[in-house]
Structure formats: C-alpha cells, structure tokens
C-alpha cells in the first residue's frame, strides 16, 4: 500500500465523517440559535431551556437518520474491507 492509497482512504473517511457529523450537528445548532434568540428577547437565562430541546432534537435526528447513517457506514466499511486484498499485492 503506497502513500497515495493511504491518503485516498483517509480523505474518503474524513469526507464521510464531515457529512455524518454535520447531519447531526446542524439541526442542533439551528435549535440552539432559535432558543438563544428567544432567551435574548425575553431575558430568560435558564441553562436547561437550551439543553433539553437540543438533546431532544439530537435524538429525533438520530431516530430519523440513524438507519441511513448506519447503512452508509456499513457500505463504506464493506468497500474498505474489499479493497484490502488489492492493497496487499
């Protein structure tokens, strides 16, 4: 396995990681922004007001996107394992 193959796999892994993490992080950031604007408008400074909705949105996102995320990860892993014999020779 040469450096080119290693860096290609590393690049593909990082791209997949960014896609999957952003899928989970963007809805949570959006809810956090909305709650922060609500807190600024009403001057309510309660920490649980931001924490609980973010966790609920994260769990809802995982519930809805979880099967797709696991399928993408399994497909990527299978393709990686299938490439291993070609890299050794």
PDB file of N, CA and C in Angstrom:
ATOM      1  N   UNK A   1       0.855  -1.178   0.000  1.00  0.00           N
ATOM      2  CA  UNK A   1       0.000   0.000   0.000  1.00  0.00           C
ATOM      3  C   UNK A   1       0.890   1.226   0.000  1.00  0.00           C
ATOM      4  N   UNK A   2       0.748   2.015  -1.005  1.00  0.00           N
ATOM      5  CA  UNK A   2       1.548   3.223  -1.108  1.00  0.00           C
ATOM      6  C   UNK A   2       0.894   4.390  -0.401  1.00  0.00           C
ATOM      7  N   UNK A   3       1.617   5.472  -0.353  1.00  0.00           N
ATOM      8  CA  UNK A   3       1.064   6.660   0.314  1.00  0.00           C
ATOM      9  C   UNK A   3      -0.170   7.213  -0.394  1.00  0.00           C
ATOM     10  N   UNK A   4      -0.252   7.044  -1.704  1.00  0.00           N
ATOM     11  CA  UNK A   4      -1.418   7.555  -2.433  1.00  0.00           C
ATOM     12  C   UNK A   4      -2.703   6.848  -1.999  1.00  0.00           C
ATOM     13  N   UNK A   5      -2.624   5.534  -1.868  1.00  0.00           N
ATOM     14  CA  UNK A   5      -3.804   4.773  -1.445  1.00  0.00           C
ATOM     15  C   UNK A   5      -4.191   5.139  -0.016  1.00  0.00           C
ATOM     16  N   UNK A   6      -3.208   5.299   0.843  1.00  0.00           N
ATOM     17  CA  UNK A   6      -3.481   5.668   2.227  1.00  0.00           C
ATOM     18  C   UNK A   6      -4.171   7.022   2.307  1.00  0.00           C
ATOM     19  N   UNK A   7      -3.653   8.004   1.575  1.00  0.00           N
ATOM     20  CA  UNK A   7      -4.238   9.338   1.632  1.00  0.00           C
ATOM     21  C   UNK A   7      -5.619   9.384   0.979  1.00  0.00           C
ATOM     22  N   UNK A   8      -5.854   8.549  -0.021  1.00  0.00           N
ATOM     23  CA  UNK A   8      -7.179   8.473  -0.635  1.00  0.00           C
ATOM     24  C   UNK A   8      -8.197   7.927   0.355  1.00  0.00           C
ATOM     25  N   UNK A   9      -7.837   6.860   1.053  1.00  0.00           N
ATOM     26  CA  UNK A   9      -8.737   6.291   2.055  1.00  0.00           C
ATOM     27  C   UNK A   9      -8.954   7.275   3.195  1.00  0.00           C
ATOM     28  N   UNK A  10      -7.896   7.942   3.618  1.00  0.00           N
ATOM     29  CA  UNK A  10      -8.007   8.931   4.686  1.00  0.00           C
ATOM     30  C   UNK A  10      -8.920  10.076   4.279  1.00  0.00           C
ATOM     31  N   UNK A  11      -8.803  10.535   3.036  1.00  0.00           N
ATOM     32  CA  UNK A  11      -9.650  11.612   2.542  1.00  0.00           C
ATOM     33  C   UNK A  11     -11.118  11.179   2.477  1.00  0.00           C
ATOM     34  N   UNK A  12     -11.370   9.973   1.994  1.00  0.00           N
ATOM     35  CA  UNK A  12     -12.746   9.473   1.933  1.00  0.00           C
ATOM     36  C   UNK A  12     -13.348   9.333   3.326  1.00  0.00           C
ATOM     37  N   UNK A  13     -12.530   8.882   4.275  1.00  0.00           N
ATOM     38  CA  UNK A  13     -13.008   8.737   5.649  1.00  0.00           C
ATOM     39  C   UNK A  13     -13.361  10.088   6.250  1.00  0.00           C
ATOM     40  N   UNK A  14     -12.513  11.078   6.043  1.00  0.00           N
ATOM     41  CA  UNK A  14     -12.796  12.414   6.576  1.00  0.00           C
ATOM     42  C   UNK A  14     -14.029  13.039   5.928  1.00  0.00           C
ATOM     43  N   UNK A  15     -14.201  12.823   4.632  1.00  0.00           N
ATOM     44  CA  UNK A  15     -15.392  13.350   3.961  1.00  0.00           C
ATOM     45  C   UNK A  15     -16.661  12.722   4.520  1.00  0.00           C
ATOM     46  N   UNK A  16     -16.629  11.410   4.732  1.00  0.00           N
ATOM     47  CA  UNK A  16     -17.789  10.732   5.299  1.00  0.00           C
ATOM     48  C   UNK A  16     -18.048  11.209   6.721  1.00  0.00           C
ATOM     49  N   UNK A  17     -16.999  11.398   7.482  1.00  0.00           N
ATOM     50  CA  UNK A  17     -17.135  11.876   8.849  1.00  0.00           C
ATOM     51  C   UNK A  17     -17.770  13.265   8.896  1.00  0.00           C
ATOM     52  N   UNK A  18     -17.333  14.156   8.026  1.00  0.00           N
ATOM     53  CA  UNK A  18     -17.889  15.514   7.996  1.00  0.00           C
ATOM     54  C   UNK A  18     -19.366  15.485   7.612  1.00  0.00           C
ATOM     55  N   UNK A  19     -19.726  14.648   6.661  1.00  0.00           N
ATOM     56  CA  UNK A  19     -21.122  14.563   6.234  1.00  0.00           C
ATOM     57  C   UNK A  19     -22.003  14.039   7.365  1.00  0.00           C
ATOM     58  N   UNK A  20     -21.563  12.973   8.013  1.00  0.00           N
ATOM     59  CA  UNK A  20     -22.397  12.361   9.053  1.00  0.00           C
ATOM     60  C   UNK A  20     -22.493  13.235  10.296  1.00  0.00           C
ATOM     61  N   UNK A  21     -21.396  13.879  10.669  1.00  0.00           N
ATOM     62  CA  UNK A  21     -21.425  14.741  11.849  1.00  0.00           C
ATOM     63  C   UNK A  21     -22.249  15.994  11.581  1.00  0.00           C
ATOM     64  N   UNK A  22     -22.116  16.560  10.389  1.00  0.00           N
ATOM     65  CA  UNK A  22     -22.890  17.764  10.087  1.00  0.00           C
ATOM     66  C   UNK A  22     -24.385  17.455  10.018  1.00  0.00           C
ATOM     67  N   UNK A  23     -24.725  16.231   9.609  1.00  0.00           N
ATOM     68  CA  UNK A  23     -26.130  15.832   9.591  1.00  0.00           C
ATOM     69  C   UNK A  23     -26.723  15.864  10.994  1.00  0.00           C
ATOM     70  N   UNK A  24     -25.924  15.528  11.992  1.00  0.00           N
ATOM     71  CA  UNK A  24     -26.401  15.548  13.370  1.00  0.00           C
ATOM     72  C   UNK A  24     -26.260  16.923  14.008  1.00  0.00           C
ATOM     73  N   UNK A  25     -25.230  17.659  13.626  1.00  0.00           N
ATOM     74  CA  UNK A  25     -24.915  18.904  14.308  1.00  0.00           C
ATOM     75  C   UNK A  25     -25.752  20.096  13.827  1.00  0.00           C
ATOM     76  N   UNK A  26     -26.059  20.155  12.552  1.00  0.00           N
ATOM     77  CA  UNK A  26     -26.769  21.322  12.014  1.00  0.00           C
ATOM     78  C   UNK A  26     -28.161  21.525  12.621  1.00  0.00           C
ATOM     79  N   UNK A  27     -28.988  20.484  12.772  1.00  0.00           N
ATOM     80  CA  UNK A  27     -30.283  20.733  13.424  1.00  0.00           C
ATOM     81  C   UNK A  27     -30.143  21.204  14.873  1.00  0.00           C
ATOM     82  N   UNK A  28     -29.163  20.661  15.591  1.00  0.00           N
ATOM     83  CA  UNK A  28     -28.949  21.067  16.979  1.00  0.00           C
ATOM     84  C   UNK A  28     -28.498  22.526  17.041  1.00  0.00           C
ATOM     85  N   UNK A  29     -27.626  22.924  16.129  1.00  0.00           N
ATOM     86  CA  UNK A  29     -27.186  24.317  16.096  1.00  0.00           C
ATOM     87  C   UNK A  29     -28.336  25.257  15.742  1.00  0.00           C
ATOM     88  N   UNK A  30     -29.201  24.829  14.834  1.00  0.00           N
ATOM     89  CA  UNK A  30     -30.356  25.652  14.472  1.00  0.00           C
ATOM     90  C   UNK A  30     -31.307  25.849  15.648  1.00  0.00           C
ATOM     91  N   UNK A  31     -31.579  24.777  16.378  1.00  0.00           N
ATOM     92  CA  UNK A  31     -32.450  24.890  17.549  1.00  0.00           C
ATOM     93  C   UNK A  31     -31.786  25.757  18.609  1.00  0.00           C
ATOM     94  N   UNK A  32     -30.483  25.611  18.795  1.00  0.00           N
ATOM     95  CA  UNK A  32     -29.772  26.439  19.759  1.00  0.00           C
ATOM     96  C   UNK A  32     -29.842  27.913  19.412  1.00  0.00           C
ATOM     97  N   UNK A  33     -29.741  28.230  18.120  1.00  0.00           N
ATOM     98  CA  UNK A  33     -29.840  29.621  17.687  1.00  0.00           C
ATOM     99  C   UNK A  33     -31.228  30.192  17.953  1.00  0.00           C
ATOM    100  N   UNK A  34     -32.246  29.404  17.652  1.00  0.00           N
ATOM    101  CA  UNK A  34     -33.621  29.862  17.880  1.00  0.00           C
ATOM    102  C   UNK A  34     -33.878  30.080  19.371  1.00  0.00           C
ATOM    103  N   UNK A  35     -33.417  29.168  20.191  1.00  0.00           N
ATOM    104  CA  UNK A  35     -33.609  29.297  21.637  1.00  0.00           C
ATOM    105  C   UNK A  35     -32.813  30.480  22.187  1.00  0.00           C
ATOM    106  N   UNK A  36     -31.626  30.700  21.665  1.00  0.00           N
ATOM    107  CA  UNK A  36     -30.823  31.840  22.111  1.00  0.00           C
ATOM    108  C   UNK A  36     -31.502  33.162  21.767  1.00  0.00           C
ATOM    109  N   UNK A  37     -32.106  33.237  20.578  1.00  0.00           N
ATOM    110  CA  UNK A  37     -32.830  34.454  20.221  1.00  0.00           C
ATOM    111  C   UNK A  37     -34.042  34.638  21.125  1.00  0.00           C
ATOM    112  N   UNK A  38     -34.734  33.545  21.464  1.00  0.00           N
ATOM    113  CA  UNK A  38     -35.861  33.625  22.392  1.00  0.00           C
ATOM    114  C   UNK A  38     -35.405  34.101  23.769  1.00  0.00           C
ATOM    115  N   UNK A  39     -34.268  33.567  24.234  1.00  0.00           N
ATOM    116  CA  UNK A  39     -33.752  33.977  25.535  1.00  0.00           C
ATOM    117  C   UNK A  39     -33.317  35.442  25.533  1.00  0.00           C
ATOM    118  N   UNK A  40     -32.742  35.884  24.431  1.00  0.00           N
ATOM    119  CA  UNK A  40     -32.332  37.286  24.355  1.00  0.00           C
ATOM    120  C   UNK A  40     -33.541  38.219  24.336  1.00  0.00           C
ATOM    121  N   UNK A  41     -34.604  37.781  23.684  1.00  0.00           N
ATOM    122  CA  UNK A  41     -35.798  38.622  23.608  1.00  0.00           C
ATOM    123  C   UNK A  41     -36.547  38.675  24.942  1.00  0.00           C
ATOM    124  N   UNK A  42     -36.553  37.569  25.668  1.00  0.00           N
ATOM    125  CA  UNK A  42     -37.313  37.521  26.920  1.00  0.00           C
ATOM    126  C   UNK A  42     -36.446  37.702  28.155  1.00  0.00           C
ATOM    127  N   UNK A  43     -35.146  37.728  27.983  1.00  0.00           N
ATOM    128  CA  UNK A  43     -34.176  37.855  29.066  1.00  0.00           C
ATOM    129  C   UNK A  43     -34.313  36.739  30.100  1.00  0.00           C
ATOM    130  N   UNK A  44     -34.629  35.540  29.621  1.00  0.00           N
ATOM    131  CA  UNK A  44     -34.653  34.352  30.472  1.00  0.00           C
ATOM    132  C   UNK A  44     -33.304  33.664  30.324  1.00  0.00           C
ATOM    133  N   UNK A  45     -32.596  33.477  31.412  1.00  0.00           N
ATOM    134  CA  UNK A  45     -31.277  32.842  31.369  1.00  0.00           C
ATOM    135  C   UNK A  45     -31.307  31.530  32.140  1.00  0.00           C
ATOM    136  N   UNK A  46     -31.973  30.567  31.594  1.00  0.00           N
ATOM    137  CA  UNK A  46     -32.056  29.252  32.217  1.00  0.00           C
ATOM    138  C   UNK A  46     -31.282  28.255  31.347  1.00  0.00           C
ATOM    139  N   UNK A  47     -30.323  27.566  31.940  1.00  0.00           N
ATOM    140  CA  UNK A  47     -29.472  26.660  31.171  1.00  0.00           C
ATOM    141  C   UNK A  47     -30.241  25.446  30.648  1.00  0.00           C
ATOM    142  N   UNK A  48     -31.195  24.939  31.429  1.00  0.00           N
ATOM    143  CA  UNK A  48     -31.933  23.763  30.970  1.00  0.00           C
ATOM    144  C   UNK A  48     -32.847  24.094  29.794  1.00  0.00           C
ATOM    145  N   UNK A  49     -33.167  25.354  29.629  1.00  0.00           N
ATOM    146  CA  UNK A  49     -34.000  25.754  28.494  1.00  0.00           C
ATOM    147  C   UNK A  49     -33.273  25.519  27.173  1.00  0.00           C
ATOM    148  N   UNK A  50     -31.963  25.607  27.166  1.00  0.00           N
ATOM    149  CA  UNK A  50     -31.206  25.340  25.947  1.00  0.00           C
ATOM    150  C   UNK A  50     -30.820  23.877  25.833  1.00  0.00           C
ATOM    151  N   UNK A  51     -30.566  23.221  26.960  1.00  0.00           N
ATOM    152  CA  UNK A  51     -30.044  21.864  26.937  1.00  0.00           C
ATOM    153  C   UNK A  51     -31.087  20.841  26.507  1.00  0.00           C
ATOM    154  N   UNK A  52     -32.251  20.879  27.089  1.00  0.00           N
ATOM    155  CA  UNK A  52     -33.273  19.855  26.840  1.00  0.00           C
ATOM    156  C   UNK A  52     -33.750  19.850  25.381  1.00  0.00           C
ATOM    157  N   UNK A  53     -34.099  20.978  24.770  1.00  0.00           N
ATOM    158  CA  UNK A  53     -34.528  20.920  23.363  1.00  0.00           C
ATOM    159  C   UNK A  53     -33.414  20.449  22.415  1.00  0.00           C
ATOM    160  N   UNK A  54     -32.167  20.816  22.707  1.00  0.00           N
ATOM    161  CA  UNK A  54     -31.069  20.351  21.855  1.00  0.00           C
ATOM    162  C   UNK A  54     -30.936  18.838  21.912  1.00  0.00           C
ATOM    163  N   UNK A  55     -31.032  18.281  23.103  1.00  0.00           N
ATOM    164  CA  UNK A  55     -30.945  16.821  23.247  1.00  0.00           C
ATOM    165  C   UNK A  55     -32.120  16.138  22.557  1.00  0.00           C
ATOM    166  N   UNK A  56     -33.307  16.704  22.686  1.00  0.00           N
ATOM    167  CA  UNK A  56     -34.475  16.124  22.028  1.00  0.00           C
ATOM    168  C   UNK A  56     -34.332  16.154  20.510  1.00  0.00           C
ATOM    169  N   UNK A  57     -33.826  17.265  19.968  1.00  0.00           N
ATOM    170  CA  UNK A  57     -33.625  17.359  18.522  1.00  0.00           C
ATOM    171  C   UNK A  57     -32.549  16.378  18.069  1.00  0.00           C
ATOM    172  N   UNK A  58     -31.496  16.211  18.858  1.00  0.00           N
ATOM    173  CA  UNK A  58     -30.450  15.249  18.518  1.00  0.00           C
ATOM    174  C   UNK A  58     -31.006  13.830  18.484  1.00  0.00           C
ATOM    175  N   UNK A  59     -31.809  13.453  19.483  1.00  0.00           N
ATOM    176  CA  UNK A  59     -32.400  12.118  19.499  1.00  0.00           C
ATOM    177  C   UNK A  59     -33.385  11.930  18.347  1.00  0.00           C
ATOM    178  N   UNK A  60     -34.149  12.957  18.033  1.00  0.00           N
ATOM    179  CA  UNK A  60     -35.077  12.866  16.911  1.00  0.00           C
ATOM    180  C   UNK A  60     -34.317  12.713  15.587  1.00  0.00           C
ATOM    181  N   UNK A  61     -33.246  13.454  15.443  1.00  0.00           N
ATOM    182  CA  UNK A  61     -32.428  13.347  14.231  1.00  0.00           C
ATOM    183  C   UNK A  61     -31.806  11.962  14.127  1.00  0.00           C
ATOM    184  N   UNK A  62     -31.311  11.439  15.248  1.00  0.00           N
ATOM    185  CA  UNK A  62     -30.752  10.087  15.246  1.00  0.00           C
ATOM    186  C   UNK A  62     -31.822   9.046  14.928  1.00  0.00           C
ATOM    187  N   UNK A  63     -33.020   9.266  15.429  1.00  0.00           N
ATOM    188  CA  UNK A  63     -34.109   8.337  15.155  1.00  0.00           C
ATOM    189  C   UNK A  63     -34.466   8.332  13.675  1.00  0.00           C
ATOM    190  N   UNK A  64     -34.516   9.509  13.069  1.00  0.00           N
ATOM    191  CA  UNK A  64     -34.899   9.602  11.663  1.00  0.00           C
ATOM    192  C   UNK A  64     -33.758   9.238  10.711  1.00  0.00           C
ATOM    193  N   UNK A  65     -32.543   9.688  11.021  1.00  0.00           N
ATOM    194  CA  UNK A  65     -31.418   9.482  10.106  1.00  0.00           C
ATOM    195  C   UNK A  65     -30.542   8.302  10.503  1.00  0.00           C
ATOM    196  N   UNK A  66     -30.818   7.675  11.633  1.00  0.00           N
ATOM    197  CA  UNK A  66     -29.986   6.569  12.105  1.00  0.00           C
ATOM    198  C   UNK A  66     -29.854   5.419  11.131  1.00  0.00           C
ATOM    199  N   UNK A  67     -30.963   4.937  10.549  1.00  0.00           N
ATOM    200  CA  UNK A  67     -30.825   3.840   9.580  1.00  0.00           C
ATOM    201  C   UNK A  67     -29.969   4.219   8.367  1.00  0.00           C
ATOM    202  N   UNK A  68     -30.127   5.431   7.882  1.00  0.00           N
ATOM    203  CA  UNK A  68     -29.317   5.862   6.741  1.00  0.00           C
ATOM    204  C   UNK A  68     -27.846   5.976   7.130  1.00  0.00           C
ATOM    205  N   UNK A  69     -27.573   6.533   8.303  1.00  0.00           N
ATOM    206  CA  UNK A  69     -26.196   6.672   8.773  1.00  0.00           C
ATOM    207  C   UNK A  69     -25.545   5.302   8.916  1.00  0.00           C
ATOM    208  N   UNK A  70     -26.251   4.354   9.520  1.00  0.00           N
ATOM    209  CA  UNK A  70     -25.669   3.024   9.688  1.00  0.00           C
ATOM    210  C   UNK A  70     -25.465   2.336   8.348  1.00  0.00           C
ATOM    211  N   UNK A  71     -26.376   2.541   7.400  1.00  0.00           N
ATOM    212  CA  UNK A  71     -26.212   1.932   6.081  1.00  0.00           C
ATOM    213  C   UNK A  71     -25.005   2.509   5.355  1.00  0.00           C
ATOM    214  N   UNK A  72     -24.805   3.815   5.459  1.00  0.00           N
ATOM    215  CA  UNK A  72     -23.649   4.453   4.821  1.00  0.00           C
ATOM    216  C   UNK A  72     -22.347   3.955   5.450  1.00  0.00           C
ATOM    217  N   UNK A  73     -22.335   3.833   6.775  1.00  0.00           N
ATOM    218  CA  UNK A  73     -21.124   3.359   7.449  1.00  0.00           C
ATOM    219  C   UNK A  73     -20.826   1.900   7.116  1.00  0.00           C
ATOM    220  N   UNK A  74     -21.854   1.056   7.035  1.00  0.00           N
ATOM    221  CA  UNK A  74     -21.647  -0.355   6.690  1.00  0.00           C
ATOM    222  C   UNK A  74     -21.163  -0.481   5.255  1.00  0.00           C
ATOM    223  N   UNK A  75     -21.745   0.286   4.338  1.00  0.00           N
ATOM    224  CA  UNK A  75     -21.306   0.256   2.944  1.00  0.00           C
ATOM    225  C   UNK A  75     -19.854   0.708   2.809  1.00  0.00           C
ATOM    226  N   UNK A  76     -19.493   1.774   3.499  1.00  0.00           N
ATOM    227  CA  UNK A  76     -18.114   2.263   3.459  1.00  0.00           C
ATOM    228  C   UNK A  76     -17.152   1.216   4.019  1.00  0.00           C
ATOM    229  N   UNK A  77     -17.529   0.605   5.132  1.00  0.00           N
ATOM    230  CA  UNK A  77     -16.662  -0.408   5.742  1.00  0.00           C
ATOM    231  C   UNK A  77     -16.518  -1.629   4.850  1.00  0.00           C
ATOM    232  N   UNK A  78     -17.612  -2.078   4.248  1.00  0.00           N
ATOM    233  CA  UNK A  78     -17.537  -3.229   3.333  1.00  0.00           C
ATOM    234  C   UNK A  78     -16.639  -2.932   2.145  1.00  0.00           C
ATOM    235  N   UNK A  79     -16.779  -1.740   1.570  1.00  0.00           N
ATOM    236  CA  UNK A  79     -15.922  -1.370   0.445  1.00  0.00           C
ATOM    237  C   UNK A  79     -14.460  -1.307   0.858  1.00  0.00           C
ATOM    238  N   UNK A  80     -14.209  -0.817   2.054  1.00  0.00           N
ATOM    239  CA  UNK A  80     -12.832  -0.745   2.553  1.00  0.00           C
ATOM    240  C   UNK A  80     -12.254  -2.142   2.742  1.00  0.00           C
ATOM    241  N   UNK A  81     -13.048  -3.061   3.323  1.00  0.00           N
ATOM    242  CA  UNK A  81     -12.560  -4.421   3.523  1.00  0.00           C
ATOM    243  C   UNK A  81     -12.358  -5.145   2.203  1.00  0.00           C
ATOM    244  N   UNK A  82     -13.178  -4.837   1.207  1.00  0.00           N
ATOM    245  CA  UNK A  82     -12.996  -5.453  -0.100  1.00  0.00           C
ATOM    246  C   UNK A  82     -11.748  -4.935  -0.808  1.00  0.00           C
ATOM    247  N   UNK A  83     -11.292  -3.730  -0.482  1.00  0.00           N
ATOM    248  CA  UNK A  83     -10.098  -3.156  -1.098  1.00  0.00           C
ATOM    249  C   UNK A  83      -8.799  -3.658  -0.469  1.00  0.00           C
ATOM    250  N   UNK A  84      -8.876  -4.248   0.718  1.00  0.00           N
ATOM    251  CA  UNK A  84      -7.660  -4.658   1.437  1.00  0.00           C
ATOM    252  C   UNK A  84      -6.832  -5.675   0.652  1.00  0.00           C
ATOM    253  N   UNK A  85      -7.421  -6.726   0.073  1.00  0.00           N
ATOM    254  CA  UNK A  85      -6.560  -7.673  -0.668  1.00  0.00           C
ATOM    255  C   UNK A  85      -5.825  -7.042  -1.847  1.00  0.00           C
ATOM    256  N   UNK A  86      -6.457  -6.085  -2.506  1.00  0.00           N
ATOM    257  CA  UNK A  86      -5.805  -5.404  -3.625  1.00  0.00           C
ATOM    258  C   UNK A  86      -4.667  -4.501  -3.163  1.00  0.00           C
ATOM    259  N   UNK A  87      -4.733  -4.023  -1.949  1.00  0.00           N
ATOM    260  CA  UNK A  87      -3.679  -3.162  -1.435  1.00  0.00           C
ATOM    261  C   UNK A  87      -2.451  -3.949  -0.995  1.00  0.00           C
ATOM    262  N   UNK A  88      -2.653  -5.193  -0.622  1.00  0.00           N
ATOM    263  CA  UNK A  88      -1.526  -6.000  -0.139  1.00  0.00           C
ATOM    264  C   UNK A  88      -0.624  -6.482  -1.272  1.00  0.00           C
ATOM    265  N   UNK A  89      -1.201  -6.679  -2.423  1.00  0.00           N
ATOM    266  CA  UNK A  89      -0.412  -7.249  -3.512  1.00  0.00           C
ATOM    267  C   UNK A  89       0.092  -6.276  -4.504  1.00  0.00           C
TER     268      UNK A  89
END
